[in-house]
Amino acid sequence: MGDGTITTQALINNDSVMPIGPNRGPATLTDNGNYQQGSTGTLDIGIGGKQASQNVKLAIDGNAKLDGTLDLSSLNNFHPSSGDTFEVISTTGTTTGKFNQTIDTLNTTGLTRTEIVTPNGVVITYLRPAPTPAAVTLTTTDPAPATLTSATKNALSADAATLSVILRAQMSLTASTRVTHKPSAQKQFSRLRR
């Protein structure tokens, strides 16, 4: 397809739609009707700069139903920078579905591409990838405390005593072979504490 306006009740794309202007440059293909892209359809979009007039766009005067492939390519050897956003589809109605695959020969700088399907179209955004987290080592020059406060000692003693009671209860249950009825663990714990 080319540049300009077409009027159909529904433009059904099961092959390839490629809005393209003179000399394979930027263009807007306007569809006065609905657009439906099938699973085998491809929408070819060329991006030639940061301004909307430098890019290929599909403008739909109706609804869009997406599927298939979005093929993004460079016009005039343009490549996006972090933070660049491009509207590739606009609709006066609603946009549903999403592209199942994107071929992106436009992005040669390792940016992260995000395709955002809005209620009224599709926007492509490029951002720097998130940094890889580095290993963190914490060190201190303060020595460990030589003495513990009495509150810390009491808390540690209480935890050790509780652990000791629980371990003894488990060991006695394991060692006992004559138990025919096992009370709940809470009852046994209470009995052992007495």
C-alpha atoms as a PDB file:
ATOM      1  CA  MET A   1       0.000   0.000   0.000  1.00  0.00           C
ATOM      2  CA  GLY A   2       1.148   3.555  -0.106  1.00  0.00           C
ATOM      3  CA  ASP A   3       0.462   7.025   1.154  1.00  0.00           C
ATOM      4  CA  GLY A   4      -2.969   8.629   1.148  1.00  0.00           C
ATOM      5  CA  THR A   5      -6.500   7.629   2.089  1.00  0.00           C
ATOM      6  CA  ILE A   6      -8.501   4.506   1.426  1.00  0.00           C
ATOM      7  CA  THR A   7     -12.143   3.962   2.265  1.00  0.00           C
ATOM      8  CA  THR A   8     -13.302   0.473   3.160  1.00  0.00           C
ATOM      9  CA  GLN A   9     -15.720  -0.944   5.621  1.00  0.00           C
ATOM     10  CA  ALA A  10     -12.846  -3.055   6.948  1.00  0.00           C
ATOM     11  CA  LEU A  11      -9.223  -3.221   5.851  1.00  0.00           C
ATOM     12  CA  ILE A  12      -8.280  -6.842   6.631  1.00  0.00           C
ATOM     13  CA  ASN A  13      -4.551  -7.506   6.723  1.00  0.00           C
ATOM     14  CA  ASN A  14      -3.599 -11.172   6.383  1.00  0.00           C
ATOM     15  CA  ASP A  15      -0.446 -10.443   4.380  1.00  0.00           C
ATOM     16  CA  SER A  16       1.333  -7.070   4.548  1.00  0.00           C
ATOM     17  CA  VAL A  17       0.379  -3.432   4.920  1.00  0.00           C
ATOM     18  CA  MET A  18       3.222  -1.022   4.289  1.00  0.00           C
ATOM     19  CA  PRO A  19       2.355   2.664   4.331  1.00  0.00           C
ATOM     20  CA  ILE A  20       5.152   4.307   2.345  1.00  0.00           C
ATOM     21  CA  GLY A  21       5.649   7.721   0.840  1.00  0.00           C
ATOM     22  CA  PRO A  22       7.567   8.942  -2.191  1.00  0.00           C
ATOM     23  CA  ASN A  23      11.141   7.612  -2.420  1.00  0.00           C
ATOM     24  CA  ARG A  24      10.359   5.089   0.336  1.00  0.00           C
ATOM     25  CA  GLY A  25      10.014   7.954   2.808  1.00  0.00           C
ATOM     26  CA  PRO A  26       7.613   8.836   5.605  1.00  0.00           C
ATOM     27  CA  ALA A  27       3.892   8.639   4.996  1.00  0.00           C
ATOM     28  CA  THR A  28       0.529   8.366   6.662  1.00  0.00           C
ATOM     29  CA  LEU A  29      -1.943   5.844   5.340  1.00  0.00           C
ATOM     30  CA  THR A  30      -5.447   6.800   6.451  1.00  0.00           C
ATOM     31  CA  ASP A  31      -8.113   4.102   6.495  1.00  0.00           C
ATOM     32  CA  ASN A  32     -11.677   5.429   6.549  1.00  0.00           C
ATOM     33  CA  GLY A  33     -13.028   2.257   8.115  1.00  0.00           C
ATOM     34  CA  ASN A  34     -11.944  -0.428  10.534  1.00  0.00           C
ATOM     35  CA  TYR A  35      -8.562  -2.197  10.472  1.00  0.00           C
ATOM     36  CA  GLN A  36      -8.203  -5.868  11.313  1.00  0.00           C
ATOM     37  CA  GLN A  37      -4.820  -7.579  11.264  1.00  0.00           C
ATOM     38  CA  GLY A  38      -4.859 -11.382  11.260  1.00  0.00           C
ATOM     39  CA  SER A  39      -2.275 -13.729  12.748  1.00  0.00           C
ATOM     40  CA  THR A  40      -0.432 -13.953   9.402  1.00  0.00           C
ATOM     41  CA  GLY A  41      -0.568 -10.196   8.767  1.00  0.00           C
ATOM     42  CA  THR A  42       2.402  -7.820   9.016  1.00  0.00           C
ATOM     43  CA  LEU A  43       2.301  -4.075   9.511  1.00  0.00           C
ATOM     44  CA  ASP A  44       5.544  -2.502   8.213  1.00  0.00           C
ATOM     45  CA  ILE A  45       6.396   0.785   9.923  1.00  0.00           C
ATOM     46  CA  GLY A  46       9.437   2.919   9.087  1.00  0.00           C
ATOM     47  CA  ILE A  47      10.823   5.441  11.572  1.00  0.00           C
ATOM     48  CA  GLY A  48      12.926   8.286  10.175  1.00  0.00           C
ATOM     49  CA  GLY A  49      13.232  10.747  13.058  1.00  0.00           C
ATOM     50  CA  LYS A  50      11.823  12.143  16.274  1.00  0.00           C
ATOM     51  CA  GLN A  51       9.132  14.222  14.552  1.00  0.00           C
ATOM     52  CA  ALA A  52       5.835  12.591  13.562  1.00  0.00           C
ATOM     53  CA  SER A  53       6.265  13.899  10.007  1.00  0.00           C
ATOM     54  CA  GLN A  54       9.457  11.821   9.663  1.00  0.00           C
ATOM     55  CA  ASN A  55       7.715   8.504  10.311  1.00  0.00           C
ATOM     56  CA  VAL A  56       5.298   6.062   8.774  1.00  0.00           C
ATOM     57  CA  LYS A  57       1.926   5.841  10.470  1.00  0.00           C
ATOM     58  CA  LEU A  58      -1.387   4.059  10.034  1.00  0.00           C
ATOM     59  CA  ALA A  59      -4.327   6.366  10.883  1.00  0.00           C
ATOM     60  CA  ILE A  60      -7.646   4.563  11.243  1.00  0.00           C
ATOM     61  CA  ASP A  61     -10.974   6.363  11.188  1.00  0.00           C
ATOM     62  CA  GLY A  62     -12.638   3.520  13.064  1.00  0.00           C
ATOM     63  CA  ASN A  63     -11.536   0.589  15.242  1.00  0.00           C
ATOM     64  CA  ALA A  64      -8.362  -1.495  15.116  1.00  0.00           C
ATOM     65  CA  LYS A  65      -8.040  -5.182  16.003  1.00  0.00           C
ATOM     66  CA  LEU A  66      -4.392  -6.273  16.236  1.00  0.00           C
ATOM     67  CA  ASP A  67      -2.632  -9.617  15.810  1.00  0.00           C
ATOM     68  CA  GLY A  68       0.310 -10.875  13.753  1.00  0.00           C
ATOM     69  CA  THR A  69       3.593  -9.014  13.304  1.00  0.00           C
ATOM     70  CA  LEU A  70       4.796  -5.440  13.655  1.00  0.00           C
ATOM     71  CA  ASP A  71       7.929  -4.830  11.556  1.00  0.00           C
ATOM     72  CA  LEU A  72       9.884  -1.714  12.618  1.00  0.00           C
ATOM     73  CA  SER A  73      12.640  -0.450  10.319  1.00  0.00           C
ATOM     74  CA  SER A  74      14.819   2.612   9.901  1.00  0.00           C
ATOM     75  CA  LEU A  75      14.207   5.331   7.333  1.00  0.00           C
ATOM     76  CA  ASN A  76      17.205   7.490   6.427  1.00  0.00           C
ATOM     77  CA  ASN A  77      19.465   5.427   8.729  1.00  0.00           C
ATOM     78  CA  PHE A  78      17.723   6.841  11.837  1.00  0.00           C
ATOM     79  CA  HIS A  79      18.038   4.959  15.151  1.00  0.00           C
ATOM     80  CA  PRO A  80      16.183   5.850  18.355  1.00  0.00           C
ATOM     81  CA  SER A  81      17.652   7.207  21.574  1.00  0.00           C
ATOM     82  CA  SER A  82      16.499   6.493  25.104  1.00  0.00           C
ATOM     83  CA  GLY A  83      13.214   8.262  25.773  1.00  0.00           C
ATOM     84  CA  ASP A  84      12.085   8.395  22.132  1.00  0.00           C
ATOM     85  CA  THR A  85       8.388   7.643  21.575  1.00  0.00           C
ATOM     86  CA  PHE A  86       6.636   7.021  18.267  1.00  0.00           C
ATOM     87  CA  GLU A  87       2.909   6.723  17.513  1.00  0.00           C
ATOM     88  CA  VAL A  88       2.608   4.039  14.845  1.00  0.00           C
ATOM     89  CA  ILE A  89      -1.188   3.573  14.845  1.00  0.00           C
ATOM     90  CA  SER A  90      -3.927   6.021  15.759  1.00  0.00           C
ATOM     91  CA  THR A  91      -7.653   5.301  15.790  1.00  0.00           C
ATOM     92  CA  THR A  92     -10.780   7.369  16.271  1.00  0.00           C
ATOM     93  CA  GLY A  93     -12.436   4.243  17.705  1.00  0.00           C
ATOM     94  CA  THR A  94     -10.956   1.590  19.957  1.00  0.00           C
ATOM     95  CA  THR A  95      -7.831  -0.555  19.694  1.00  0.00           C
ATOM     96  CA  THR A  96      -7.955  -4.174  20.852  1.00  0.00           C
ATOM     97  CA  GLY A  97      -5.540  -7.093  20.738  1.00  0.00           C
ATOM     98  CA  LYS A  98      -1.775  -6.852  20.388  1.00  0.00           C
ATOM     99  CA  PHE A  99       1.007  -7.836  18.038  1.00  0.00           C
ATOM    100  CA  ASN A 100       2.234 -11.372  18.679  1.00  0.00           C
ATOM    101  CA  GLN A 101       5.684 -10.622  17.320  1.00  0.00           C
ATOM    102  CA  THR A 102       7.820  -7.572  16.615  1.00  0.00           C
ATOM    103  CA  ILE A 103      10.726  -7.471  14.201  1.00  0.00           C
ATOM    104  CA  ASP A 104      12.874  -4.493  15.142  1.00  0.00           C
ATOM    105  CA  THR A 105      15.801  -3.609  12.851  1.00  0.00           C
ATOM    106  CA  LEU A 106      15.419   0.029  13.929  1.00  0.00           C
ATOM    107  CA  ASN A 107      16.890  -0.567  17.391  1.00  0.00           C
ATOM    108  CA  THR A 108      20.613  -1.208  16.950  1.00  0.00           C
ATOM    109  CA  THR A 109      21.743   0.466  20.182  1.00  0.00           C
ATOM    110  CA  GLY A 110      20.504  -2.132  22.696  1.00  0.00           C
ATOM    111  CA  LEU A 111      17.609  -0.094  24.056  1.00  0.00           C
ATOM    112  CA  THR A 112      14.567  -1.721  25.616  1.00  0.00           C
ATOM    113  CA  ARG A 113      11.481  -1.351  23.408  1.00  0.00           C
ATOM    114  CA  THR A 114       8.001  -1.183  24.855  1.00  0.00           C
ATOM    115  CA  GLU A 115       4.862  -1.447  22.733  1.00  0.00           C
ATOM    116  CA  ILE A 116       1.957   0.277  24.410  1.00  0.00           C
ATOM    117  CA  VAL A 117      -1.511  -0.509  23.078  1.00  0.00           C
ATOM    118  CA  THR A 118      -3.689   2.405  24.132  1.00  0.00           C
ATOM    119  CA  PRO A 119      -7.467   2.656  23.699  1.00  0.00           C
ATOM    120  CA  ASN A 120      -6.805   4.793  20.600  1.00  0.00           C
ATOM    121  CA  GLY A 121      -3.674   3.341  19.014  1.00  0.00           C
ATOM    122  CA  VAL A 122      -0.177   1.966  19.462  1.00  0.00           C
ATOM    123  CA  VAL A 123       2.875   3.801  20.778  1.00  0.00           C
ATOM    124  CA  ILE A 124       6.453   2.498  20.711  1.00  0.00           C
ATOM    125  CA  THR A 125       8.880   3.730  23.397  1.00  0.00           C
ATOM    126  CA  TYR A 126      12.606   3.079  23.708  1.00  0.00           C
ATOM    127  CA  LEU A 127      14.449   3.225  27.038  1.00  0.00           C
ATOM    128  CA  ARG A 128      17.840   2.230  28.369  1.00  0.00           C
ATOM    129  CA  PRO A 129      17.804  -1.253  29.871  1.00  0.00           C
ATOM    130  CA  ALA A 130      17.760  -1.468  33.642  1.00  0.00           C
ATOM    131  CA  PRO A 131      21.260  -1.729  35.106  1.00  0.00           C
ATOM    132  CA  THR A 132      22.473  -5.093  36.292  1.00  0.00           C
ATOM    133  CA  PRO A 133      22.496  -5.140  40.078  1.00  0.00           C
ATOM    134  CA  ALA A 134      25.998  -5.289  41.510  1.00  0.00           C
ATOM    135  CA  ALA A 135      26.991  -7.473  44.430  1.00  0.00           C
ATOM    136  CA  VAL A 136      26.946  -5.513  47.671  1.00  0.00           C
ATOM    137  CA  THR A 137      29.335  -6.149  50.541  1.00  0.00           C
ATOM    138  CA  LEU A 138      28.727  -4.389  53.816  1.00  0.00           C
ATOM    139  CA  THR A 139      31.663  -3.805  56.103  1.00  0.00           C
ATOM    140  CA  THR A 140      32.007  -1.940  59.357  1.00  0.00           C
ATOM    141  CA  THR A 141      34.957  -0.622  61.277  1.00  0.00           C
ATOM    142  CA  ASP A 142      33.053  -0.885  64.553  1.00  0.00           C
ATOM    143  CA  PRO A 143      34.031  -3.945  66.630  1.00  0.00           C
ATOM    144  CA  ALA A 144      31.412  -6.397  67.800  1.00  0.00           C
ATOM    145  CA  PRO A 145      30.141  -5.516  71.295  1.00  0.00           C
ATOM    146  CA  ALA A 146      32.236  -7.131  74.029  1.00  0.00           C
ATOM    147  CA  THR A 147      29.304  -7.433  76.405  1.00  0.00           C
ATOM    148  CA  LEU A 148      25.644  -7.949  75.833  1.00  0.00           C
ATOM    149  CA  THR A 149      23.016  -5.938  77.648  1.00  0.00           C
ATOM    150  CA  SER A 150      21.006  -7.795  80.238  1.00  0.00           C
ATOM    151  CA  ALA A 151      17.853  -7.485  78.094  1.00  0.00           C
ATOM    152  CA  THR A 152      19.644  -9.144  75.143  1.00  0.00           C
ATOM    153  CA  LYS A 153      20.999 -11.911  77.418  1.00  0.00           C
ATOM    154  CA  ASN A 154      17.518 -12.577  78.833  1.00  0.00           C
ATOM    155  CA  ALA A 155      15.977 -12.728  75.350  1.00  0.00           C
ATOM    156  CA  LEU A 156      18.647 -15.148  74.149  1.00  0.00           C
ATOM    157  CA  SER A 157      18.244 -17.314  77.270  1.00  0.00           C
ATOM    158  CA  ALA A 158      14.458 -17.440  76.877  1.00  0.00           C
ATOM    159  CA  ASP A 159      14.780 -18.455  73.213  1.00  0.00           C
ATOM    160  CA  ALA A 160      17.349 -21.126  74.069  1.00  0.00           C
ATOM    161  CA  ALA A 161      15.158 -22.510  76.867  1.00  0.00           C
ATOM    162  CA  THR A 162      12.116 -22.663  74.566  1.00  0.00           C
ATOM    163  CA  LEU A 163      14.127 -24.410  71.866  1.00  0.00           C
ATOM    164  CA  SER A 164      15.487 -26.874  74.408  1.00  0.00           C
ATOM    165  CA  VAL A 165      11.966 -27.796  75.609  1.00  0.00           C
ATOM    166  CA  ILE A 166      10.746 -28.284  72.031  1.00  0.00           C
ATOM    167  CA  LEU A 167      13.726 -30.472  71.132  1.00  0.00           C
ATOM    168  CA  ARG A 168      13.290 -32.608  74.270  1.00  0.00           C
ATOM    169  CA  ALA A 169       9.577 -33.047  73.457  1.00  0.00           C
ATOM    170  CA  GLN A 170      10.379 -34.159  69.923  1.00  0.00           C
ATOM    171  CA  MET A 171      13.097 -36.537  71.119  1.00  0.00           C
ATOM    172  CA  SER A 172      10.830 -38.137  73.723  1.00  0.00           C
ATOM    173  CA  LEU A 173       8.061 -38.631  71.163  1.00  0.00           C
ATOM    174  CA  THR A 174      10.498 -40.196  68.719  1.00  0.00           C
ATOM    175  CA  ALA A 175      12.031 -42.474  71.368  1.00  0.00           C
ATOM    176  CA  SER A 176       8.705 -43.640  72.808  1.00  0.00           C
ATOM    177  CA  THR A 177       7.311 -46.754  71.200  1.00  0.00           C
ATOM    178  CA  ARG A 178       4.550 -47.453  73.736  1.00  0.00           C
ATOM    179  CA  VAL A 179       2.417 -44.399  72.974  1.00  0.00           C
ATOM    180  CA  THR A 180      -0.954 -45.467  71.663  1.00  0.00           C
ATOM    181  CA  HIS A 181      -2.599 -42.052  71.766  1.00  0.00           C
ATOM    182  CA  LYS A 182      -0.654 -38.953  70.818  1.00  0.00           C
ATOM    183  CA  PRO A 183      -1.995 -35.763  72.366  1.00  0.00           C
ATOM    184  CA  SER A 184      -1.639 -32.643  70.319  1.00  0.00           C
ATOM    185  CA  ALA A 185       1.824 -31.081  70.205  1.00  0.00           C
ATOM    186  CA  GLN A 186       0.567 -28.173  72.289  1.00  0.00           C
ATOM    187  CA  LYS A 187      -0.614 -30.485  75.099  1.00  0.00           C
ATOM    188  CA  GLN A 188       2.681 -32.356  75.070  1.00  0.00           C
ATOM    189  CA  PHE A 189       4.601 -29.119  75.097  1.00  0.00           C
ATOM    190  CA  SER A 190       2.519 -27.932  78.095  1.00  0.00           C
ATOM    191  CA  ARG A 191       3.070 -31.235  79.938  1.00  0.00           C
ATOM    192  CA  LEU A 192       6.825 -31.095  79.380  1.00  0.00           C
ATOM    193  CA  ARG A 193       7.061 -27.553  80.640  1.00  0.00           C
ATOM    194  CA  ARG A 194       5.501 -28.520  84.021  1.00  0.00           C
END
